[in-house]
Amino acid sequence: MKRTATAAWNGSGKEGNGTLTTQSNTLNKTPYSYTSRFESGAGTNPEELIAAAHAGCFTMKLSFVLGAAGFTPTTLETTCTVTLDNGAITSSHLVLKGNVPQISKEEFQKHADDAKANCPISKALNTTITLEIAS
């Protein structure tokens, strides 16, 4: 399986702007710029997309891990915060909320740790990855 995305950029790094388009067209000429990346301007940015990818990948992987262990989650919700510091992504922090019938807290933690270590995005990131299970 291969997936593609295209970035187009016009102008200088700080004053320019660009668009991102994904193979599925979920992002279709979605704007991004210096202000959307480093300030609070409209549009997306690479770090936000990595956070979305990590949250989505981890949550789906956890659903598969739980299913293999005989559990069916009612809901799983993950918020991911990616930190960019001095030009490098230095961490990805996952905060998980879940409702999984008949699972102990310890077993849920074990399966969440498995998903954190083994989702493809976790494996691709060369950074510190932390996980917190919220009440």
Protein backbone atom coordinates (compact mmCIF):
# COMPACT_ATOMS: atom_id res chain seq x y z
CA MET A 1 0.00 0.00 0.00
CA LYS A 2 1.23 3.47 -0.85
CA ARG A 3 -0.40 6.82 -0.10
CA THR A 4 0.51 10.20 -1.56
CA ALA A 5 0.15 13.86 -0.75
CA THR A 6 1.31 16.92 -2.63
CA ALA A 7 2.56 20.23 -1.23
CA ALA A 8 2.77 23.36 -3.37
CA TRP A 9 4.51 26.50 -2.10
CA ASN A 10 4.65 30.02 -3.53
CA GLY A 11 7.05 32.70 -2.39
CA SER A 12 9.49 32.99 0.49
CA GLY A 13 9.34 30.94 3.67
CA LYS A 14 7.88 33.66 5.86
CA GLU A 15 5.79 35.67 3.40
CA GLY A 16 4.77 32.84 1.08
CA ASN A 17 1.96 30.34 1.29
CA GLY A 18 1.09 26.93 0.05
CA THR A 19 -1.49 24.21 -0.26
CA LEU A 20 -1.65 20.55 0.64
CA THR A 21 -3.61 17.94 -1.28
CA THR A 22 -3.98 14.29 -0.32
CA GLN A 23 -4.62 11.34 -2.60
CA SER A 24 -8.13 10.95 -1.14
CA ASN A 25 -8.81 14.67 -1.62
CA THR A 26 -9.77 14.94 2.05
CA LEU A 27 -7.25 17.74 1.96
CA ASN A 28 -7.77 19.49 -1.36
CA LYS A 29 -5.58 22.54 -1.80
CA THR A 30 -5.79 23.10 1.95
CA PRO A 31 -3.86 26.27 2.77
CA TYR A 32 -0.79 26.42 4.98
CA SER A 33 1.65 29.21 5.69
CA TYR A 34 4.22 30.53 8.13
CA THR A 35 1.43 31.98 10.28
CA SER A 36 -0.58 28.74 10.33
CA ARG A 37 2.56 26.87 11.32
CA PHE A 38 4.30 29.17 13.80
CA GLU A 39 1.57 31.58 14.90
CA SER A 40 -2.21 31.24 14.83
CA GLY A 41 -3.13 31.90 11.22
CA ALA A 42 -5.81 30.11 9.22
CA GLY A 43 -4.88 26.82 7.59
CA THR A 44 -3.09 23.68 8.65
CA ASN A 45 0.58 22.79 9.18
CA PRO A 46 2.80 19.72 9.04
CA GLU A 47 2.94 19.24 12.81
CA GLU A 48 -0.86 19.34 13.13
CA LEU A 49 -1.09 16.72 10.40
CA ILE A 50 1.46 14.51 12.18
CA ALA A 51 -0.57 14.87 15.39
CA ALA A 52 -3.74 13.86 13.53
CA ALA A 53 -1.97 10.93 11.88
CA HIS A 54 -0.53 9.73 15.18
CA ALA A 55 -3.84 10.03 17.05
CA GLY A 56 -5.70 8.22 14.28
CA CYS A 57 -3.14 5.48 13.81
CA PHE A 58 -2.75 4.79 17.54
CA THR A 59 -6.52 4.73 18.16
CA MET A 60 -7.20 2.34 15.29
CA LYS A 61 -4.27 0.10 16.32
CA LEU A 62 -5.61 0.00 19.89
CA SER A 63 -9.01 -1.09 18.58
CA PHE A 64 -7.33 -3.97 16.73
CA VAL A 65 -5.19 -4.91 19.77
CA LEU A 66 -8.25 -4.90 22.03
CA GLY A 67 -10.23 -6.96 19.50
CA ALA A 68 -7.47 -9.57 19.34
CA ALA A 69 -7.65 -9.81 23.14
CA GLY A 70 -11.41 -10.34 23.05
CA PHE A 71 -12.57 -6.81 23.89
CA THR A 72 -14.78 -4.51 21.85
CA PRO A 73 -14.39 -0.83 22.72
CA THR A 74 -17.53 1.25 22.91
CA THR A 75 -15.49 4.40 22.33
CA LEU A 76 -11.84 5.36 22.06
CA GLU A 77 -10.72 8.98 21.76
CA THR A 78 -7.12 10.14 21.53
CA THR A 79 -5.75 13.66 21.54
CA CYS A 80 -2.18 13.97 20.29
CA THR A 81 0.08 16.94 20.98
CA VAL A 82 3.21 17.19 18.85
CA THR A 83 5.93 19.57 20.09
CA LEU A 84 8.17 21.42 17.65
CA ASP A 85 11.25 22.86 19.33
CA ASN A 86 14.26 24.43 17.58
CA GLY A 87 13.28 22.99 14.21
CA ALA A 88 12.71 19.42 15.40
CA ILE A 89 9.71 17.44 16.57
CA THR A 90 10.80 16.63 20.10
CA SER A 91 7.77 14.73 21.38
CA SER A 92 4.37 13.30 20.65
CA HIS A 93 2.04 13.03 23.65
CA LEU A 94 -1.07 10.87 23.41
CA VAL A 95 -4.00 11.35 25.80
CA LEU A 96 -6.45 8.47 25.60
CA LYS A 97 -10.03 8.25 26.81
CA GLY A 98 -11.81 4.97 26.38
CA ASN A 99 -14.85 2.99 27.28
CA VAL A 100 -14.14 -0.72 27.01
CA PRO A 101 -16.61 -3.03 28.77
CA GLN A 102 -15.23 -5.67 31.15
CA ILE A 103 -11.57 -4.62 30.99
CA SER A 104 -9.41 -3.88 34.01
CA LYS A 105 -7.43 -0.68 34.23
CA GLU A 106 -4.18 -2.65 34.12
CA GLU A 107 -5.20 -4.64 31.06
CA PHE A 108 -6.34 -1.48 29.26
CA GLN A 109 -2.97 0.13 30.02
CA LYS A 110 -1.11 -2.96 28.72
CA HIS A 111 -3.02 -2.92 25.41
CA ALA A 112 -2.65 0.86 25.07
CA ASP A 113 1.12 0.54 25.58
CA ASP A 114 1.20 -2.17 22.90
CA ALA A 115 -0.66 0.07 20.44
CA LYS A 116 1.63 3.02 21.26
CA ALA A 117 4.73 0.96 20.52
CA ASN A 118 3.39 -0.76 17.43
CA CYS A 119 1.22 1.61 15.42
CA PRO A 120 2.97 2.47 12.15
CA ILE A 121 3.15 6.21 12.90
CA SER A 122 4.81 5.55 16.28
CA LYS A 123 7.33 3.38 14.48
CA ALA A 124 7.99 6.14 11.93
CA LEU A 125 8.52 8.93 14.46
CA ASN A 126 12.04 9.49 15.75
CA THR A 127 10.98 11.23 18.93
CA THR A 128 9.83 10.66 22.50
CA ILE A 129 6.30 9.26 22.61
CA THR A 130 4.32 9.41 25.85
CA LEU A 131 0.88 8.08 26.72
CA GLU A 132 -1.58 9.20 29.35
CA ILE A 133 -4.88 7.52 30.04
CA ALA A 134 -7.42 10.12 31.13
CA SER A 135 -10.35 9.33 33.38
